Protein backbone atom coordinates (compact mmCIF):
# COMPACT_ATOMS: atom_id res chain seq x y z
CA MET A 1 153.63 337.39 63.94
CA LYS A 2 154.04 333.69 63.34
CA ARG A 3 150.67 333.56 61.58
CA LEU A 4 151.83 336.20 59.08
CA LEU A 5 155.01 334.33 58.12
CA PRO A 6 153.42 331.81 55.74
CA LEU A 7 151.65 334.65 53.88
CA ALA A 8 154.91 336.59 53.60
CA LEU A 9 156.67 333.53 52.22
CA LEU A 10 153.84 332.98 49.76
CA LEU A 11 154.08 336.55 48.51
CA LEU A 12 157.83 336.20 48.06
CA ALA A 13 157.36 332.96 46.13
CA LEU A 14 154.74 334.53 43.86
CA ALA A 15 157.01 337.50 43.20
CA ALA A 16 159.86 335.15 42.30
CA GLN A 17 157.69 333.35 39.72
CA ALA A 18 157.20 336.45 37.59
CA ALA A 19 159.87 337.38 35.07
CA ASP A 20 161.80 340.62 35.60
CA PRO A 21 159.87 343.00 33.31
CA SER A 22 163.01 344.84 32.20
CA ARG A 23 165.27 341.82 31.55
CA LEU A 24 163.96 338.76 29.77
CA ARG A 25 165.58 335.58 28.52
CA VAL A 26 164.13 334.17 25.30
CA GLY A 27 164.34 330.50 24.34
CA VAL A 28 165.06 330.09 20.61
CA GLU A 29 166.04 327.10 18.50
CA GLY A 30 168.37 328.04 15.63
CA ALA A 31 167.65 324.96 13.46
CA TYR A 32 164.31 325.67 11.78
CA PRO A 33 164.74 327.89 8.70
CA PRO A 34 163.36 330.36 7.77
CA PHE A 35 162.03 330.91 11.28
CA SER A 36 165.25 330.32 13.17
CA THR A 37 168.68 329.38 11.89
CA VAL A 38 172.34 330.08 12.54
CA GLY A 39 173.81 332.37 9.88
CA PRO A 40 177.30 332.28 8.35
CA ASP A 41 178.43 334.76 11.01
CA GLY A 42 177.39 332.37 13.78
CA LYS A 43 174.46 334.53 14.87
CA ILE A 44 170.89 333.24 15.14
CA GLN A 45 168.55 334.79 12.60
CA GLY A 46 165.12 334.29 11.06
CA PHE A 47 161.48 335.32 11.44
CA ASP A 48 161.17 334.04 15.02
CA ILE A 49 164.29 335.97 15.99
CA ASP A 50 163.08 339.17 14.34
CA ILE A 51 159.70 338.83 16.06
CA ALA A 52 161.36 338.23 19.43
CA ASN A 53 163.52 341.33 19.03
CA ALA A 54 160.58 343.45 17.86
CA LEU A 55 158.43 342.38 20.80
CA CYS A 56 161.23 343.04 23.27
CA ALA A 57 161.72 346.52 21.79
CA GLU A 58 157.98 347.19 22.02
CA MET A 59 157.94 346.04 25.66
CA LYS A 60 161.09 348.09 26.36
CA ALA A 61 162.77 344.99 27.72
CA ARG A 62 166.42 344.02 27.46
CA CYS A 63 166.32 340.48 26.05
CA THR A 64 168.92 337.74 25.87
CA LEU A 65 168.48 334.92 23.34
CA VAL A 66 169.14 331.45 24.75
CA GLN A 67 169.59 328.68 22.19
CA GLN A 68 167.91 325.39 23.07
CA GLU A 69 167.03 322.17 21.22
CA PHE A 70 163.29 322.06 20.64
CA ASP A 71 162.50 318.98 22.71
CA GLY A 72 164.00 320.68 25.76
CA MET A 73 162.15 323.97 25.36
CA ILE A 74 159.28 323.49 27.81
CA PRO A 75 161.38 321.77 30.52
CA SER A 76 163.92 324.61 30.25
CA LEU A 77 161.17 327.21 30.54
CA GLN A 78 159.79 325.49 33.62
CA SER A 79 163.25 325.27 35.20
CA ARG A 80 163.69 329.03 34.61
CA LYS A 81 166.50 328.75 32.07
CA PHE A 82 164.54 331.41 30.19
CA ASP A 83 161.28 333.36 30.58
CA MET A 84 159.54 332.78 27.27
CA ILE A 85 159.81 330.63 24.14
CA VAL A 86 159.80 332.10 20.63
CA ALA A 87 160.32 328.98 18.52
CA SER A 88 157.33 328.47 16.22
CA MET A 89 155.61 326.54 19.02
CA ALA A 90 152.00 325.67 18.22
CA ILE A 91 149.32 326.53 20.75
CA THR A 92 147.85 323.07 21.40
CA PRO A 93 145.50 321.72 24.09
CA GLU A 94 148.23 319.34 25.28
CA ARG A 95 150.81 322.11 25.77
CA LEU A 96 148.27 324.41 27.42
CA LYS A 97 148.15 321.93 30.29
CA VAL A 98 151.73 322.83 31.26
CA VAL A 99 152.44 326.34 29.89
CA ASP A 100 150.53 329.48 28.98
CA PHE A 101 150.65 331.08 25.55
CA SER A 102 150.39 334.53 24.06
CA ASP A 103 148.05 335.13 21.17
CA LYS A 104 149.31 333.63 17.91
CA TYR A 105 151.90 335.47 15.87
CA TYR A 106 151.48 333.30 12.77
CA ASN A 107 149.46 330.32 11.55
CA SER A 108 150.25 327.93 8.71
CA ALA A 109 149.30 324.40 7.69
CA ASN A 110 151.37 321.26 8.08
CA LYS A 111 152.19 319.07 5.07
CA LEU A 112 153.81 315.83 4.02
CA ILE A 113 156.91 315.92 1.83
CA ALA A 114 157.96 312.90 -0.26
CA ARG A 115 159.90 312.19 -3.41
CA LEU A 116 157.90 313.10 -6.52
CA GLY A 117 156.55 310.01 -8.25
CA SER A 118 156.52 307.88 -5.11
CA PRO A 119 153.28 306.07 -4.14
CA ILE A 120 152.97 308.23 -1.03
CA ASN A 121 149.95 310.49 -1.52
CA GLY A 122 148.79 311.35 1.98
CA SER A 123 146.64 308.26 2.37
CA ILE A 124 147.30 306.55 5.69
CA ALA A 125 147.12 303.16 3.95
CA LYS A 126 150.11 304.14 1.79
CA PHE A 127 152.25 304.49 4.92
CA ASN A 128 152.25 300.82 5.86
CA GLY A 129 155.92 299.88 6.07
CA VAL A 130 157.04 303.43 5.23
CA ARG A 131 159.64 305.32 7.25
CA ILE A 132 158.50 308.83 8.12
CA GLY A 133 160.86 311.31 9.77
CA VAL A 134 159.76 313.98 12.22
CA GLN A 135 161.37 316.42 14.60
CA ARG A 136 161.10 315.00 18.10
CA SER A 137 158.47 316.38 20.52
CA THR A 138 156.71 318.43 17.82
CA ILE A 139 153.06 318.46 16.83
CA ASN A 140 154.03 316.46 13.74
CA ASP A 141 155.64 313.79 15.91
CA ARG A 142 152.48 313.50 17.97
CA TYR A 143 150.20 313.40 14.93
CA VAL A 144 151.99 310.78 12.85
CA THR A 145 152.51 308.61 15.94
CA ALA A 146 148.75 308.65 16.59
CA LYS A 147 147.51 308.42 13.01
CA PHE A 148 150.11 306.69 10.83
CA THR A 149 150.23 303.53 12.90
CA GLY A 150 151.49 301.35 10.04
CA ALA A 151 154.56 303.54 9.50
CA THR A 152 157.91 303.47 11.24
CA VAL A 153 158.34 306.87 12.88
CA VAL A 154 161.95 308.06 12.94
CA ARG A 155 162.57 310.95 15.34
CA TYR A 156 165.29 313.58 15.05
CA VAL A 157 166.58 316.37 17.24
CA SER A 158 166.22 318.97 14.46
CA GLN A 159 164.25 319.27 11.23
CA ASP A 160 167.47 319.90 9.33
CA GLU A 161 168.56 316.35 10.23
CA VAL A 162 165.26 315.05 8.84
CA TYR A 163 165.91 316.77 5.52
CA LEU A 164 169.38 315.24 5.22
CA ASP A 165 168.07 311.70 5.73
CA LEU A 166 165.11 312.31 3.40
CA ALA A 167 167.41 313.47 0.61
CA ALA A 168 169.71 310.49 1.22
CA GLY A 169 166.82 308.02 1.03
CA ARG A 170 167.09 306.82 4.62
CA ILE A 171 163.47 307.84 5.21
CA ASP A 172 160.57 308.08 2.77
CA ALA A 173 158.68 311.17 3.92
CA THR A 174 158.43 313.88 6.54
CA MET A 175 155.61 315.91 8.01
CA VAL A 176 156.52 319.52 8.70
CA ASP A 177 155.11 323.03 8.79
CA ALA A 178 154.41 323.90 5.15
CA VAL A 179 156.35 327.17 5.23
CA ALA A 180 159.37 325.59 6.91
CA GLY A 181 159.30 322.66 4.49
CA ASP A 182 159.04 324.87 1.43
CA GLU A 183 161.64 327.46 2.40
CA GLY A 184 163.97 325.19 4.35
CA PHE A 185 163.98 322.18 2.00
CA LEU A 186 161.98 322.24 -1.24
CA LYS A 187 163.48 325.53 -2.43
CA THR A 188 167.01 324.38 -1.67
CA PRO A 189 169.25 322.11 -3.81
CA LEU A 190 168.72 319.33 -1.26
CA GLY A 191 164.98 319.30 -2.00
CA LYS A 192 165.27 318.75 -5.75
CA GLY A 193 162.92 315.95 -6.83
CA PHE A 194 160.70 316.28 -3.76
CA GLY A 195 157.34 317.94 -3.25
CA PHE A 196 154.29 318.28 -1.03
CA VAL A 197 151.85 315.37 -1.13
CA GLY A 198 148.39 314.99 0.34
CA PRO A 199 146.19 317.56 2.09
CA ASP A 200 146.84 320.38 4.52
CA TYR A 201 146.84 319.11 8.09
CA ARG A 202 145.13 321.49 10.54
CA ASP A 203 143.36 319.31 13.13
CA PRO A 204 143.34 321.71 16.14
CA GLU A 205 143.61 318.83 18.62
CA TYR A 206 147.08 318.10 17.27
CA PHE A 207 148.15 321.20 15.36
CA GLY A 208 146.62 323.87 17.54
CA THR A 209 145.54 327.37 16.62
CA GLY A 210 148.77 328.93 15.40
CA ALA A 211 152.23 329.59 16.78
CA GLY A 212 152.37 331.50 20.04
CA ILE A 213 154.92 332.52 22.64
CA ALA A 214 155.03 330.17 25.61
CA VAL A 215 155.48 331.49 29.15
CA ARG A 216 155.41 329.72 32.50
CA LYS A 217 152.00 328.68 33.76
CA GLY A 218 150.48 331.57 35.68
CA ASP A 219 152.80 334.29 34.36
CA THR A 220 149.82 336.40 33.40
CA ALA A 221 151.71 339.70 33.48
CA LEU A 222 154.21 338.65 30.83
CA ARG A 223 151.54 336.99 28.70
CA GLU A 224 149.46 340.18 28.69
CA ARG A 225 152.52 342.31 27.84
CA LEU A 226 153.28 340.00 24.92
CA ASN A 227 149.69 340.16 23.67
CA ALA A 228 149.77 343.96 23.79
CA ALA A 229 153.13 344.00 21.98
CA ILE A 230 151.88 341.63 19.24
CA LYS A 231 148.86 343.90 18.66
CA ALA A 232 151.12 346.97 18.60
CA ILE A 233 153.62 345.69 16.03
CA ARG A 234 150.77 344.55 13.78
CA ALA A 235 149.10 347.96 14.10
CA ASN A 236 152.24 350.01 13.43
CA GLY A 237 153.42 347.97 10.43
CA THR A 238 156.51 346.43 12.05
CA TYR A 239 155.09 342.92 11.80
CA GLN A 240 154.29 343.25 8.10
CA LYS A 241 157.75 344.65 7.36
CA LEU A 242 159.46 341.76 9.12
CA ALA A 243 157.20 339.12 7.53
CA ALA A 244 157.86 340.53 4.04
CA LYS A 245 161.57 339.70 4.45
CA TYR A 246 160.70 335.99 4.43
CA PHE A 247 157.25 335.38 2.97
CA PRO A 248 155.51 336.62 -0.20
CA TYR A 249 152.12 335.95 1.42
CA ASP A 250 150.26 336.57 4.66
CA ILE A 251 151.96 334.34 7.25
CA TYR A 252 149.64 335.57 10.01
CA GLY A 253 146.83 333.43 8.59
CA GLN A 254 143.33 332.85 9.85
């Protein structure tokens, strides 16, 4: 009997690691328009939120949205504050060391934004002495820190804070997802006089292979359910209907 006890404890521990299939907690950000933002009514809305709700409906799961700053997403997932992350999180080799991901649910390039007419053109040499703002713990943070070594990297909790300082002239540029930068800044009054500069940035080592839904390492059951749900909403037209609310182009990408 004593020899069976460790096995029983192991089975209990493994069962505890898996999320309850009927009740799921979803980590979301709420500060990354048009993917996730807090509306005038105080409710979180955006493409990420719509996708999360659609996937939960497809999986027949009762989901609770849990708002979390982006740099605390993975630690909060690991500490079981929630069961999955739907927050435009890129599937990168570095993150795959600590979490598992669903298949992608969209893929877009990353771009630099600077004031029109400035000498900043995407060339690394032009960033010597330049202040570049990024959202902390993002793929853009990691990339500019590694590549733009002559720049001063200024890190922020949210991308919205980056935009405010860029418009005010406290930083000279930002690197951000192209869709988020266009919809969340350039097409707003705050972004007047600014534009994209330089090339698309897609290096898979840093930028990954698209945005996926993160789950705890080893939670294969939930990851497979999410993959099946992503395929289903793309097949039945739900995905396209939701995407059309925000984007006049194919956000799913290559």
